[in-house]
Amino acid sequence: MAGFHERLKAARQALGMTQEALAEELNVTKASVSAWENDREKPGFRLLSKIRDVLGVSLDDLVCGAETDAAPANDPQRVARNDDEAALLKAYRKLPAKRRQALLNLLG
């Protein structure tokens, strides 16, 4: 069974996010993210909800490996309908939070 560090890394990579981008979102150093992913350290309790929000994963899945409240794979809100949507979603998820908000404001 994968440990927290492996689940964290997999969730980050699934979004196409770098360690640096995740660190920026969480207001920590890239070295901290690297230490978490290499199982040298664990993030503090106060960061878990921020990690959950940034990566879009449940805490159950991230901490315990259980997918109890994960959205179904066929949920239309979580699945791109074509390659163009998938590319847009991947690019959007790579943006820092401020730029994502600016883009949403521009589109809205």
Protein backbone atom coordinates (compact mmCIF):
# COMPACT_ATOMS: atom_id res chain seq x y z
CA MET A 1 0.00 0.00 0.00
CA ALA A 2 1.30 3.45 -0.92
CA GLY A 3 2.28 5.78 1.89
CA PHE A 4 1.29 9.41 2.36
CA HIS A 5 4.41 10.61 0.55
CA GLU A 6 3.60 8.51 -2.53
CA ARG A 7 -0.06 9.57 -2.58
CA LEU A 8 0.94 13.23 -2.23
CA LYS A 9 3.38 12.99 -5.13
CA ALA A 10 0.88 11.11 -7.31
CA ALA A 11 -1.86 13.68 -6.64
CA ARG A 12 0.50 16.55 -7.48
CA GLN A 13 1.73 14.88 -10.65
CA ALA A 14 -1.82 14.02 -11.73
CA LEU A 15 -2.47 17.76 -11.89
CA GLY A 16 0.73 18.35 -13.85
CA MET A 17 1.95 20.50 -10.96
CA THR A 18 5.60 20.96 -10.03
CA GLN A 19 6.86 20.81 -6.47
CA GLU A 20 7.60 24.52 -6.77
CA ALA A 21 4.02 25.31 -7.84
CA LEU A 22 2.58 23.29 -4.96
CA ALA A 23 4.95 24.99 -2.54
CA GLU A 24 3.84 28.41 -3.79
CA GLU A 25 0.17 27.49 -3.38
CA LEU A 26 0.80 26.31 0.19
CA ASN A 27 3.16 29.17 1.09
CA VAL A 28 5.98 26.76 1.97
CA THR A 29 9.37 26.08 0.41
CA LYS A 30 10.01 23.67 -2.44
CA ALA A 31 12.38 21.88 -0.06
CA SER A 32 9.43 21.21 2.28
CA VAL A 33 7.39 19.62 -0.50
CA SER A 34 10.41 17.56 -1.55
CA ALA A 35 10.93 16.38 2.05
CA TRP A 36 7.26 15.34 2.28
CA GLU A 37 7.41 13.45 -1.02
CA ASN A 38 10.64 11.70 -0.05
CA ASP A 39 9.21 10.70 3.34
CA ARG A 40 11.80 12.69 5.31
CA GLU A 41 9.14 14.91 6.93
CA LYS A 42 5.37 15.24 7.16
CA PRO A 43 3.40 18.46 6.66
CA GLY A 44 1.94 20.07 9.73
CA PHE A 45 -1.67 19.43 10.60
CA ARG A 46 -2.66 23.00 9.68
CA LEU A 47 -1.54 22.40 6.09
CA LEU A 48 -3.60 19.29 5.41
CA SER A 49 -6.80 21.16 4.49
CA LYS A 50 -4.82 23.49 2.20
CA ILE A 51 -3.16 20.51 0.52
CA ARG A 52 -6.59 18.91 0.09
CA ASP A 53 -7.98 22.07 -1.52
CA VAL A 54 -5.03 22.64 -3.84
CA LEU A 55 -4.78 19.03 -5.00
CA GLY A 56 -8.52 18.35 -5.05
CA VAL A 57 -8.24 15.08 -3.14
CA SER A 58 -10.01 13.91 -0.02
CA LEU A 59 -8.09 13.81 3.22
CA ASP A 60 -9.14 10.17 3.62
CA ASP A 61 -7.47 9.31 0.35
CA LEU A 62 -4.41 11.45 0.97
CA VAL A 63 -3.75 10.41 4.57
CA CYS A 64 -5.20 6.91 4.75
CA GLY A 65 -5.33 5.79 1.15
CA ALA A 66 -9.12 5.36 1.27
CA GLU A 67 -11.24 6.82 -1.50
CA THR A 68 -14.37 7.13 0.60
CA ASP A 69 -15.56 10.54 -0.57
CA ALA A 70 -13.89 10.77 -3.96
CA ALA A 71 -16.06 11.82 -6.87
CA PRO A 72 -17.05 9.03 -9.23
CA ALA A 73 -14.87 8.73 -12.32
CA ASN A 74 -17.85 9.44 -14.57
CA ASP A 75 -18.79 12.67 -12.76
CA PRO A 76 -19.14 15.19 -15.64
CA GLN A 77 -17.77 17.98 -13.43
CA ARG A 78 -14.45 16.14 -13.05
CA VAL A 79 -13.93 14.63 -16.51
CA ALA A 80 -12.85 16.46 -19.65
CA ARG A 81 -15.08 15.73 -22.61
CA ASN A 82 -12.35 15.99 -25.25
CA ASP A 83 -8.63 16.59 -25.70
CA ASP A 84 -9.04 20.37 -25.86
CA GLU A 85 -10.86 20.46 -22.51
CA ALA A 86 -8.24 18.16 -21.00
CA ALA A 87 -5.44 20.46 -22.19
CA LEU A 88 -7.22 23.54 -20.81
CA LEU A 89 -7.86 21.85 -17.47
CA LYS A 90 -4.25 20.74 -17.19
CA ALA A 91 -2.99 24.26 -18.01
CA TYR A 92 -5.47 25.83 -15.57
CA ARG A 93 -4.36 23.53 -12.74
CA LYS A 94 -0.73 24.49 -13.30
CA LEU A 95 -1.50 28.18 -12.72
CA PRO A 96 -0.89 29.74 -9.33
CA ALA A 97 -4.06 30.53 -7.38
CA LYS A 98 -3.97 34.27 -8.15
CA ARG A 99 -3.66 33.66 -11.88
CA ARG A 100 -6.48 31.09 -11.83
CA GLN A 101 -8.71 33.66 -10.12
CA ALA A 102 -7.70 36.35 -12.63
CA LEU A 103 -8.55 34.00 -15.50
CA LEU A 104 -11.93 33.17 -13.98
CA ASN A 105 -12.63 36.88 -13.53
CA LEU A 106 -11.71 37.51 -17.16
CA LEU A 107 -13.97 34.72 -18.40
CA GLY A 108 -16.84 35.51 -16.05
